[in-house]
C-alpha atoms as a PDB file:
ATOM      1  CA  MET A   1     -25.813  21.126  11.076  1.00  0.00           C
ATOM      2  CA  GLY A   2     -25.393  18.618  13.461  1.00  0.00           C
ATOM      3  CA  GLY A   3     -26.080  16.011  10.700  1.00  0.00           C
ATOM      4  CA  ASN A   4     -23.566  17.535   8.050  1.00  0.00           C
ATOM      5  CA  SER A   5     -20.533  16.567  10.771  1.00  0.00           C
ATOM      6  CA  ARG A   6     -21.759  13.185  10.657  1.00  0.00           C
ATOM      7  CA  THR A   7     -21.858  12.725   6.757  1.00  0.00           C
ATOM      8  CA  THR A   8     -18.403  14.785   6.338  1.00  0.00           C
ATOM      9  CA  PHE A   9     -16.703  12.195   8.318  1.00  0.00           C
ATOM     10  CA  ALA A  10     -18.073   9.268   6.695  1.00  0.00           C
ATOM     11  CA  LYS A  11     -16.996  10.377   3.933  1.00  0.00           C
ATOM     12  CA  ARG A  12     -13.543  11.339   4.908  1.00  0.00           C
ATOM     13  CA  GLN A  13     -13.373   7.491   6.254  1.00  0.00           C
ATOM     14  CA  LYS A  14     -14.904   6.549   2.746  1.00  0.00           C
ATOM     15  CA  GLU A  15     -11.843   8.308   0.496  1.00  0.00           C
ATOM     16  CA  ARG A  16      -9.422   7.429   3.131  1.00  0.00           C
ATOM     17  CA  ALA A  17     -10.366   3.316   2.320  1.00  0.00           C
ATOM     18  CA  ARG A  18     -10.468   4.139  -0.904  1.00  0.00           C
ATOM     19  CA  GLN A  19      -6.756   5.270  -0.849  1.00  0.00           C
ATOM     20  CA  GLU A  20      -5.717   2.565   1.191  1.00  0.00           C
ATOM     21  CA  LYS A  21      -7.665   0.134  -1.302  1.00  0.00           C
ATOM     22  CA  GLN A  22      -5.698   2.001  -4.411  1.00  0.00           C
ATOM     23  CA  ALA A  23      -2.194   2.082  -2.566  1.00  0.00           C
ATOM     24  CA  GLU A  24      -2.561  -1.936  -1.982  1.00  0.00           C
ATOM     25  CA  LYS A  25      -3.672  -2.389  -5.348  1.00  0.00           C
ATOM     26  CA  ALA A  26      -0.374   0.149  -6.504  1.00  0.00           C
ATOM     27  CA  GLN A  27       2.193  -2.175  -4.216  1.00  0.00           C
ATOM     28  CA  ARG A  28       0.849  -5.449  -5.585  1.00  0.00           C
ATOM     29  CA  ARG A  29       1.072  -4.258  -9.515  1.00  0.00           C
ATOM     30  CA  ALA A  30       4.393  -3.525  -8.831  1.00  0.00           C
ATOM     31  CA  GLU A  31       5.095  -6.340  -6.916  1.00  0.00           C
ATOM     32  CA  ARG A  32       3.870  -9.118  -9.698  1.00  0.00           C
ATOM     33  CA  LYS A  33       5.865  -6.351 -12.067  1.00  0.00           C
ATOM     34  CA  LEU A  34       9.173  -6.907 -10.439  1.00  0.00           C
ATOM     35  CA  GLN A  35       8.284 -10.916 -10.719  1.00  0.00           C
ATOM     36  CA  GLN A  36       7.463 -11.199 -13.685  1.00  0.00           C
ATOM     37  CA  LYS A  37      11.218  -9.672 -14.577  1.00  0.00           C
ATOM     38  CA  GLU A  38      12.863 -12.551 -12.536  1.00  0.00           C
ATOM     39  CA  ASP A  39      14.240 -15.383 -13.781  1.00  0.00           C
ATOM     40  CA  PRO A  40      11.711 -18.759 -11.801  1.00  0.00           C
ATOM     41  CA  GLY A  41      15.349 -20.056 -11.102  1.00  0.00           C
ATOM     42  CA  SER A  42      16.244 -17.230  -8.863  1.00  0.00           C
ATOM     43  CA  ALA A  43      15.566 -16.426  -5.627  1.00  0.00           C
ATOM     44  CA  SER A  44      12.634 -14.954  -4.948  1.00  0.00           C
ATOM     45  CA  LEU A  45      11.874 -11.178  -3.030  1.00  0.00           C
ATOM     46  CA  SER A  46      11.084 -13.073   0.571  1.00  0.00           C
ATOM     47  CA  ASN A  47      14.497 -11.994   1.915  1.00  0.00           C
ATOM     48  CA  SER A  48      14.399  -8.608   1.374  1.00  0.00           C
ATOM     49  CA  PRO A  49      12.268  -6.262   3.163  1.00  0.00           C
ATOM     50  CA  VAL A  50       9.029  -5.313   1.615  1.00  0.00           C
ATOM     51  CA  VAL A  51       8.326  -1.259   0.933  1.00  0.00           C
ATOM     52  CA  THR A  52       4.826  -0.180   2.468  1.00  0.00           C
ATOM     53  CA  TYR A  53       3.386   2.989   1.136  1.00  0.00           C
ATOM     54  CA  ASP A  54       1.419   5.650   2.963  1.00  0.00           C
ATOM     55  CA  GLU A  55      -1.858   6.898   1.501  1.00  0.00           C
ATOM     56  CA  GLU A  56      -0.083   9.373  -1.297  1.00  0.00           C
ATOM     57  CA  GLY A  57       1.567   6.892  -2.292  1.00  0.00           C
ATOM     58  CA  ASN A  58       5.417   8.169  -0.936  1.00  0.00           C
ATOM     59  CA  PRO A  59       7.648   4.795   0.515  1.00  0.00           C
ATOM     60  CA  GLU A  60       6.810   4.463   4.766  1.00  0.00           C
ATOM     61  CA  GLY A  61      10.248   4.109   6.684  1.00  0.00           C
ATOM     62  CA  LEU A  62      11.206   0.104   7.370  1.00  0.00           C
ATOM     63  CA  SER A  63      11.105  -1.054  10.585  1.00  0.00           C
ATOM     64  CA  PHE A  64      13.472  -3.256  12.969  1.00  0.00           C
ATOM     65  CA  HIS A  65      11.340  -5.947  11.833  1.00  0.00           C
ATOM     66  CA  ASP A  66      12.135  -5.980   8.068  1.00  0.00           C
ATOM     67  CA  PHE A  67      15.532  -6.906   8.091  1.00  0.00           C
END
């Protein structure tokens, strides 16, 4: 039974890493989509706060340093 907990833990870590990677990809896609809509001569999104997402794809709260 001792070996089962190690494999379960490894599976959890692997699944969490997969979900984080998927969320990062979704965020990059959304940013690219917004940049495509912008005019090349307009201001970039660097002045606006960056929205980050958790494993479920829900937006996380903004901190003081985001403004």
